[in-house]
Amino acid sequence: MADSTTAAKGTELLRLHQDPTLLTMVNVWDAITARVVAGVEGTKALATASHSIAAAYGYPDGENIPVDLMLDAVRRVVEATDLPVTADLEGGYGDAAETVRRAIGIGVVGANIEDQMKPLPEAARQVEAIMKAAESEGVDFVLNARTDAYHLGRDKDPADNLKEAVERGKAYLDAGAPVVFVPAILKEEGVQTLVDAYGPQRLTMIAIPGNPSLARLEEIGVARVSFGPLSQNVALTALQELVEEVHRGGGIPRSTRFLN
């Protein structure tokens, strides 16, 4: 059973998703990024990025990192902040409900779990099992039930992907998930279709260039926007640019903040 602090964080994270104000989450991947992001005024919760954590340990994305190592990295993020933390746990590493139970044990109060386009009845049962595991731990757990309709449907007609995302998302909500994650480049009409199908504050998205503005997504009724591995790409770009500047004979940019 989760302790009272973890339970309170779960309730707060759920409230943040249900609030009409769009929840924005710049993803982190270790203790120092957690402290830096949490320390910026306006940050209300943290989200880890599985791709970024795997890359930091030298693993390719796609459940190649051992689950114990992933959970240890997530634990370090949880211990670096007093804010609620939601973790990207890929497809659940073979047993999504058990992985979520273990994550709750280290203080995690939300998670992305991919459906990996399993047959819909199987995927919906997985959502139900996760939510039952979280309930048994006494946490208002924010399962961000991810559908890979677009991610794994790149060769399909986008209209078919949208139809699939609607069907799957509604099934996951019926199975108990509070929100559904549709990572994709979506035109405003597609976002509106998903919000109409799921209800307001039930859709979460990723901030891919080409998607509607954050302000517009809030107006439509999107619950949350995260940045996935893109935040790590921004950080690595800054590092690469520093190296390039050093090779030109320069040095540390004057705008650098000394944060650790």
Protein backbone atom coordinates (compact mmCIF):
# COMPACT_ATOMS: atom_id res chain seq x y z
CA MET A 1 0.00 0.00 0.00
CA ALA A 2 1.35 3.43 -0.97
CA ASP A 3 2.16 5.89 1.81
CA SER A 4 0.10 9.03 2.39
CA THR A 5 2.58 11.28 0.57
CA THR A 6 2.45 9.20 -2.60
CA ALA A 7 -1.35 8.98 -2.41
CA ALA A 8 -1.61 12.78 -2.07
CA LYS A 9 0.64 13.26 -5.09
CA GLY A 10 -1.55 10.93 -7.11
CA THR A 11 -4.65 12.90 -6.23
CA GLU A 12 -2.90 16.13 -7.17
CA LEU A 13 -1.66 14.78 -10.50
CA LEU A 14 -5.17 13.63 -11.37
CA ARG A 15 -6.53 17.07 -10.46
CA LEU A 16 -3.97 18.73 -12.72
CA HIS A 17 -5.16 16.64 -15.65
CA GLN A 18 -8.81 17.39 -14.93
CA ASP A 19 -8.24 21.14 -14.63
CA PRO A 20 -9.21 23.09 -17.79
CA THR A 21 -5.77 24.72 -17.70
CA LEU A 22 -3.47 22.76 -20.01
CA LEU A 23 -0.84 20.78 -18.10
CA THR A 24 2.56 21.08 -19.81
CA MET A 25 5.35 18.65 -18.95
CA VAL A 26 8.92 19.05 -20.22
CA ASN A 27 10.23 15.53 -19.82
CA VAL A 28 13.27 14.66 -17.70
CA TRP A 29 15.60 11.66 -17.59
CA ASP A 30 17.75 11.86 -14.45
CA ALA A 31 18.09 13.58 -11.09
CA ILE A 32 19.73 16.78 -12.33
CA THR A 33 17.21 17.36 -15.12
CA ALA A 34 14.43 16.67 -12.59
CA ARG A 35 15.80 19.31 -10.20
CA VAL A 36 16.32 21.86 -12.97
CA VAL A 37 12.85 21.46 -14.48
CA ALA A 38 11.14 21.31 -11.08
CA GLY A 39 12.93 24.50 -10.08
CA VAL A 40 11.42 26.55 -12.89
CA GLU A 41 8.44 28.58 -11.72
CA GLY A 42 5.19 27.18 -13.05
CA THR A 43 6.27 23.54 -13.12
CA LYS A 44 3.56 21.51 -11.41
CA ALA A 45 4.59 17.90 -12.10
CA LEU A 46 7.34 15.93 -13.79
CA ALA A 47 7.29 13.27 -16.49
CA THR A 48 10.15 10.96 -17.41
CA ALA A 49 10.92 9.99 -21.01
CA SER A 50 11.76 6.32 -21.55
CA HIS A 51 13.61 7.02 -24.78
CA SER A 52 15.81 9.57 -23.01
CA ILE A 53 16.54 7.33 -20.02
CA ALA A 54 17.42 4.41 -22.29
CA ALA A 55 19.70 6.63 -24.38
CA ALA A 56 21.45 7.94 -21.26
CA TYR A 57 22.35 4.33 -20.38
CA GLY A 58 23.33 3.39 -23.93
CA TYR A 59 20.22 1.41 -24.88
CA PRO A 60 18.02 1.90 -27.94
CA ASP A 61 14.39 2.74 -27.32
CA GLY A 62 11.83 -0.07 -27.29
CA GLU A 63 12.07 -1.94 -23.96
CA ASN A 64 15.74 -2.81 -24.51
CA ILE A 65 16.77 -1.31 -21.17
CA PRO A 66 16.30 -3.76 -18.26
CA VAL A 67 13.19 -2.94 -16.27
CA ASP A 68 15.15 -2.79 -13.00
CA LEU A 69 17.49 -0.17 -14.46
CA MET A 70 14.58 1.85 -15.83
CA LEU A 71 12.82 1.83 -12.46
CA ASP A 72 16.05 2.79 -10.68
CA ALA A 73 16.41 5.80 -12.97
CA VAL A 74 12.80 6.77 -12.32
CA ARG A 75 13.34 6.38 -8.58
CA ARG A 76 16.18 8.91 -8.74
CA VAL A 77 13.84 11.37 -10.44
CA VAL A 78 11.17 10.83 -7.76
CA GLU A 79 13.73 11.38 -4.98
CA ALA A 80 14.98 14.60 -6.60
CA THR A 81 11.66 16.46 -6.29
CA ASP A 82 8.59 16.95 -4.13
CA LEU A 83 6.38 17.23 -7.23
CA PRO A 84 4.20 14.39 -8.56
CA VAL A 85 6.06 12.21 -11.06
CA THR A 86 4.60 10.23 -13.94
CA ALA A 87 6.86 7.72 -15.68
CA ASP A 88 7.07 6.54 -19.26
CA LEU A 89 7.16 2.76 -18.85
CA GLU A 90 6.96 1.85 -22.55
CA GLY A 91 4.72 -1.22 -22.98
CA GLY A 92 5.13 -2.37 -19.38
CA TYR A 93 8.12 -4.70 -19.83
CA GLY A 94 6.12 -7.90 -20.15
CA ASP A 95 3.77 -7.35 -17.20
CA ALA A 96 2.38 -3.83 -17.23
CA ALA A 97 0.28 -4.16 -14.06
CA GLU A 98 3.21 -5.51 -12.05
CA THR A 99 5.57 -2.86 -13.44
CA VAL A 100 3.10 -0.15 -12.43
CA ARG A 101 2.76 -1.68 -8.98
CA ARG A 102 6.53 -1.58 -8.58
CA ALA A 103 6.61 2.01 -9.84
CA ILE A 104 4.03 3.06 -7.27
CA GLY A 105 6.26 1.48 -4.64
CA ILE A 106 9.00 4.01 -5.48
CA GLY A 107 6.60 6.95 -5.46
CA VAL A 108 5.41 7.16 -9.06
CA VAL A 109 1.78 8.30 -9.43
CA GLY A 110 1.22 8.11 -13.18
CA ALA A 111 2.55 6.27 -16.23
CA ASN A 112 2.52 6.07 -19.99
CA ILE A 113 1.84 2.52 -21.13
CA GLU A 114 1.85 1.78 -24.88
CA ASP A 115 -0.78 -0.46 -26.41
CA GLN A 116 1.71 -1.47 -29.16
CA MET A 117 -1.41 -2.16 -31.23
CA LYS A 118 -2.21 -5.37 -29.42
CA PRO A 119 -5.67 -6.74 -30.23
CA LEU A 120 -8.09 -4.27 -28.67
CA PRO A 121 -9.68 -6.66 -26.13
CA GLU A 122 -6.21 -7.61 -24.87
CA ALA A 123 -5.10 -3.97 -24.70
CA ALA A 124 -8.25 -2.97 -22.81
CA ARG A 125 -7.77 -5.82 -20.32
CA GLN A 126 -4.23 -4.55 -19.72
CA VAL A 127 -5.59 -1.09 -18.88
CA GLU A 128 -8.11 -2.62 -16.51
CA ALA A 129 -5.40 -4.69 -14.79
CA ILE A 130 -3.19 -1.64 -14.34
CA MET A 131 -5.98 0.39 -12.78
CA LYS A 132 -6.91 -2.48 -10.45
CA ALA A 133 -3.27 -2.77 -9.34
CA ALA A 134 -3.14 0.97 -8.66
CA GLU A 135 -6.43 0.85 -6.74
CA SER A 136 -5.07 -1.94 -4.57
CA GLU A 137 -2.11 0.32 -3.76
CA GLY A 138 -4.46 3.14 -2.71
CA VAL A 139 -3.42 5.65 -5.40
CA ASP A 140 -5.44 7.83 -7.78
CA PHE A 141 -3.12 6.68 -10.54
CA VAL A 142 -2.96 8.69 -13.76
CA LEU A 143 -2.57 6.04 -16.43
CA ASN A 144 -1.81 7.86 -19.66
CA ALA A 145 -3.04 5.02 -21.86
CA ARG A 146 -1.08 5.37 -25.07
CA THR A 147 -2.38 4.19 -28.40
CA ASP A 148 0.16 3.62 -31.15
CA ALA A 149 -2.47 3.95 -33.89
CA TYR A 150 -0.47 6.72 -35.57
CA HIS A 151 3.01 5.71 -34.41
CA LEU A 152 2.70 2.21 -35.88
CA GLY A 153 0.35 3.26 -38.67
CA ARG A 154 2.63 5.57 -40.63
CA ASP A 155 1.87 3.74 -43.89
CA LYS A 156 -1.89 3.94 -43.40
CA ASP A 157 -4.41 6.60 -44.31
CA PRO A 158 -4.43 9.19 -41.47
CA ALA A 159 -8.22 9.02 -41.46
CA ASP A 160 -8.01 5.32 -40.61
CA ASN A 161 -5.50 6.05 -37.86
CA LEU A 162 -7.82 8.66 -36.39
CA LYS A 163 -10.72 6.22 -36.43
CA GLU A 164 -8.53 3.60 -34.71
CA ALA A 165 -7.38 6.13 -32.09
CA VAL A 166 -10.98 7.05 -31.32
CA GLU A 167 -12.04 3.43 -30.90
CA ARG A 168 -9.06 2.42 -28.82
CA GLY A 169 -9.06 5.53 -26.66
CA LYS A 170 -12.72 5.14 -25.79
CA ALA A 171 -12.11 1.49 -24.86
CA TYR A 172 -9.26 2.49 -22.54
CA LEU A 173 -11.37 5.16 -20.87
CA ASP A 174 -14.14 2.60 -20.39
CA ALA A 175 -11.54 0.27 -18.82
CA GLY A 176 -10.69 2.93 -16.23
CA ALA A 177 -7.86 5.02 -17.67
CA PRO A 178 -8.33 8.72 -16.83
CA VAL A 179 -6.56 9.98 -19.98
CA VAL A 180 -5.46 8.70 -23.39
CA PHE A 181 -2.17 9.59 -25.08
CA VAL A 182 -2.16 9.94 -28.87
CA PRO A 183 1.41 10.79 -29.98
CA ALA A 184 1.13 12.14 -33.51
CA ILE A 185 1.19 15.19 -35.72
CA LEU A 186 -2.48 16.16 -35.64
CA LYS A 187 -4.33 18.87 -37.43
CA GLU A 188 -6.77 20.90 -35.37
CA GLU A 189 -9.73 18.97 -36.80
CA GLY A 190 -8.19 15.69 -35.65
CA VAL A 191 -7.58 17.03 -32.15
CA GLN A 192 -11.18 18.23 -32.00
CA THR A 193 -12.44 14.83 -33.14
CA LEU A 194 -10.51 13.09 -30.37
CA VAL A 195 -11.65 15.55 -27.68
CA ASP A 196 -15.26 15.18 -28.85
CA ALA A 197 -14.93 11.39 -28.67
CA TYR A 198 -13.14 11.19 -25.30
CA GLY A 199 -14.53 14.26 -23.56
CA PRO A 200 -12.65 17.37 -22.40
CA GLN A 201 -9.47 16.90 -20.37
CA ARG A 202 -9.14 13.26 -21.50
CA LEU A 203 -6.71 13.60 -24.43
CA THR A 204 -2.96 14.04 -23.95
CA MET A 205 -0.52 14.88 -26.74
CA ILE A 206 3.15 15.40 -27.51
CA ALA A 207 4.51 18.79 -28.58
CA ILE A 208 5.64 17.85 -32.08
CA PRO A 209 6.34 20.77 -34.42
CA GLY A 210 3.31 21.14 -36.67
CA ASN A 211 0.68 20.54 -34.00
CA PRO A 212 -1.64 23.38 -32.94
CA SER A 213 -0.29 25.89 -30.43
CA LEU A 214 -0.46 25.17 -26.71
CA ALA A 215 -2.98 27.97 -26.31
CA ARG A 216 -5.23 26.47 -28.97
CA LEU A 217 -4.96 22.97 -27.51
CA GLU A 218 -6.08 24.36 -24.15
CA GLU A 219 -9.07 26.02 -25.82
CA ILE A 220 -10.08 22.75 -27.50
CA GLY A 221 -9.93 20.85 -24.20
CA VAL A 222 -6.68 18.86 -24.29
CA ALA A 223 -5.59 17.77 -20.82
CA ARG A 224 -1.82 17.67 -21.17
CA VAL A 225 1.06 18.18 -23.55
CA SER A 226 4.45 16.57 -22.94
CA PHE A 227 7.72 16.75 -24.87
CA GLY A 228 9.01 13.15 -24.78
CA PRO A 229 12.62 12.81 -25.97
CA LEU A 230 12.54 16.24 -27.61
CA SER A 231 13.68 17.94 -24.39
CA GLN A 232 16.79 15.74 -24.37
CA ASN A 233 17.37 16.62 -28.02
CA VAL A 234 17.27 20.31 -27.11
CA ALA A 235 19.83 19.74 -24.34
CA LEU A 236 22.11 17.66 -26.57
CA THR A 237 21.87 20.26 -29.32
CA ALA A 238 23.10 22.90 -26.86
CA LEU A 239 26.00 20.62 -25.90
CA GLN A 240 26.87 19.99 -29.54
CA GLU A 241 26.74 23.70 -30.29
CA LEU A 242 29.13 24.35 -27.39
CA VAL A 243 31.60 21.85 -28.84
CA GLU A 244 31.33 23.49 -32.26
CA GLU A 245 31.93 26.92 -30.72
CA VAL A 246 34.97 25.61 -28.81
CA HIS A 247 36.38 24.19 -32.04
CA ARG A 248 36.02 27.66 -33.54
CA GLY A 249 38.08 29.10 -30.69
CA GLY A 250 35.18 30.28 -28.53
CA GLY A 251 33.89 29.14 -25.18
CA ILE A 252 30.96 29.06 -22.81
CA PRO A 253 28.01 31.21 -23.96
CA ARG A 254 27.39 34.26 -21.76
CA SER A 255 23.77 33.18 -21.38
CA THR A 256 24.82 30.00 -19.55
CA ARG A 257 23.20 29.48 -16.15
CA PHE A 258 25.20 27.58 -13.55
CA LEU A 259 22.51 25.25 -12.19
CA ASN A 260 24.35 22.45 -10.43
